[in-house]
Amino acid sequence: MNSAVATAALPPDVRLMNAVSALLVAVLLESEFVYRLEFGTGEPDEFGRRRLSPREASYAIAYALGRLA
C-alpha cells in the first residue's frame, strides 16, 4: 500500500496530529530556532548597529537563500 493511500485512510484528527508533529520536528531541528548569534564588528553607528563580520554575513546569506530552495 502506498503511503499517500495509507495517510488518506487515517481519520482527520490523526492526520492533523501527524502534520503538527512533522511541523514541530522541522522547526525544532532548525539550527537557528533557539538562537542566532550576530555580534557584528567595528564601532556601532548612531543607531547602535554594527556591520556583520564576513562569517556572519555568509551565514545570513546562506540562511536567506536556503529558505528559497
C-alpha atoms as a PDB file:
ATOM      1  CA  MET A   1       0.000   0.000   0.000  1.00  0.00           C
ATOM      2  CA  ASN A   2       1.428   3.369  -0.918  1.00  0.00           C
ATOM      3  CA  SER A   3       1.890   5.966   1.853  1.00  0.00           C
ATOM      4  CA  ALA A   4      -0.493   8.534   0.309  1.00  0.00           C
ATOM      5  CA  VAL A   5      -3.299   5.977   0.318  1.00  0.00           C
ATOM      6  CA  ALA A   6      -2.424   4.896   3.859  1.00  0.00           C
ATOM      7  CA  THR A   7      -2.433   8.524   5.034  1.00  0.00           C
ATOM      8  CA  ALA A   8      -5.769   9.233   3.341  1.00  0.00           C
ATOM      9  CA  ALA A   9      -7.265   6.252   5.185  1.00  0.00           C
ATOM     10  CA  LEU A  10      -6.426   7.795   8.570  1.00  0.00           C
ATOM     11  CA  PRO A  11      -9.055   9.787  10.472  1.00  0.00           C
ATOM     12  CA  PRO A  12      -8.731  13.601  10.087  1.00  0.00           C
ATOM     13  CA  ASP A  13      -7.669  14.117  13.714  1.00  0.00           C
ATOM     14  CA  VAL A  14      -4.815  11.604  13.321  1.00  0.00           C
ATOM     15  CA  ARG A  15      -3.691  13.272  10.074  1.00  0.00           C
ATOM     16  CA  LEU A  16      -3.715  16.646  11.847  1.00  0.00           C
ATOM     17  CA  MET A  17      -1.625  15.281  14.716  1.00  0.00           C
ATOM     18  CA  ASN A  18       0.850  13.793  12.220  1.00  0.00           C
ATOM     19  CA  ALA A  19       1.086  17.120  10.392  1.00  0.00           C
ATOM     20  CA  VAL A  20       1.599  19.080  13.621  1.00  0.00           C
ATOM     21  CA  SER A  21       4.214  16.578  14.756  1.00  0.00           C
ATOM     22  CA  ALA A  22       6.115  16.872  11.457  1.00  0.00           C
ATOM     23  CA  LEU A  23       5.953  20.672  11.670  1.00  0.00           C
ATOM     24  CA  LEU A  24       7.322  20.729  15.212  1.00  0.00           C
ATOM     25  CA  VAL A  25      10.137  18.335  14.326  1.00  0.00           C
ATOM     26  CA  ALA A  26      11.134  20.514  11.360  1.00  0.00           C
ATOM     27  CA  VAL A  27      11.091  23.709  13.442  1.00  0.00           C
ATOM     28  CA  LEU A  28      12.946  22.264  16.422  1.00  0.00           C
ATOM     29  CA  LEU A  29      15.633  20.683  14.240  1.00  0.00           C
ATOM     30  CA  GLU A  30      16.380  24.053  12.619  1.00  0.00           C
ATOM     31  CA  SER A  31      19.804  25.055  13.929  1.00  0.00           C
ATOM     32  CA  GLU A  32      18.882  28.692  14.499  1.00  0.00           C
ATOM     33  CA  PHE A  33      15.471  28.094  16.063  1.00  0.00           C
ATOM     34  CA  VAL A  34      16.701  28.644  19.609  1.00  0.00           C
ATOM     35  CA  TYR A  35      19.215  31.420  18.990  1.00  0.00           C
ATOM     36  CA  ARG A  36      21.091  33.176  16.236  1.00  0.00           C
ATOM     37  CA  LEU A  37      24.321  34.879  17.215  1.00  0.00           C
ATOM     38  CA  GLU A  38      25.241  38.017  15.307  1.00  0.00           C
ATOM     39  CA  PHE A  39      27.571  40.283  17.242  1.00  0.00           C
ATOM     40  CA  GLY A  40      28.989  42.338  14.392  1.00  0.00           C
ATOM     41  CA  THR A  41      32.348  44.045  14.223  1.00  0.00           C
ATOM     42  CA  GLY A  42      33.620  47.602  14.476  1.00  0.00           C
ATOM     43  CA  GLU A  43      32.111  50.601  16.178  1.00  0.00           C
ATOM     44  CA  PRO A  44      28.325  50.921  16.376  1.00  0.00           C
ATOM     45  CA  ASP A  45      26.650  53.650  14.323  1.00  0.00           C
ATOM     46  CA  GLU A  46      24.266  56.248  15.784  1.00  0.00           C
ATOM     47  CA  PHE A  47      21.521  53.596  15.950  1.00  0.00           C
ATOM     48  CA  GLY A  48      23.707  51.031  17.756  1.00  0.00           C
ATOM     49  CA  ARG A  49      24.111  48.789  14.698  1.00  0.00           C
ATOM     50  CA  ARG A  50      27.376  47.112  13.741  1.00  0.00           C
ATOM     51  CA  ARG A  51      28.474  45.619  10.442  1.00  0.00           C
ATOM     52  CA  LEU A  52      28.304  41.841  10.283  1.00  0.00           C
ATOM     53  CA  SER A  53      31.617  40.033  10.189  1.00  0.00           C
ATOM     54  CA  PRO A  54      32.340  38.176   6.939  1.00  0.00           C
ATOM     55  CA  ARG A  55      31.407  34.872   8.580  1.00  0.00           C
ATOM     56  CA  GLU A  56      28.133  36.280   9.993  1.00  0.00           C
ATOM     57  CA  ALA A  57      27.280  37.809   6.609  1.00  0.00           C
ATOM     58  CA  SER A  58      27.915  34.485   4.854  1.00  0.00           C
ATOM     59  CA  TYR A  59      25.641  32.688   7.328  1.00  0.00           C
ATOM     60  CA  ALA A  60      22.909  35.309   6.849  1.00  0.00           C
ATOM     61  CA  ILE A  61      23.106  34.991   3.053  1.00  0.00           C
ATOM     62  CA  ALA A  62      23.102  31.185   3.188  1.00  0.00           C
ATOM     63  CA  TYR A  63      20.151  31.256   5.595  1.00  0.00           C
ATOM     64  CA  ALA A  64      18.178  33.589   3.304  1.00  0.00           C
ATOM     65  CA  LEU A  65      18.973  31.600   0.155  1.00  0.00           C
ATOM     66  CA  GLY A  66      18.300  28.307   1.889  1.00  0.00           C
ATOM     67  CA  ARG A  67      14.749  29.442   2.524  1.00  0.00           C
ATOM     68  CA  LEU A  68      14.192  29.896  -1.225  1.00  0.00           C
ATOM     69  CA  ALA A  69      15.037  26.334  -2.144  1.00  0.00           C
END
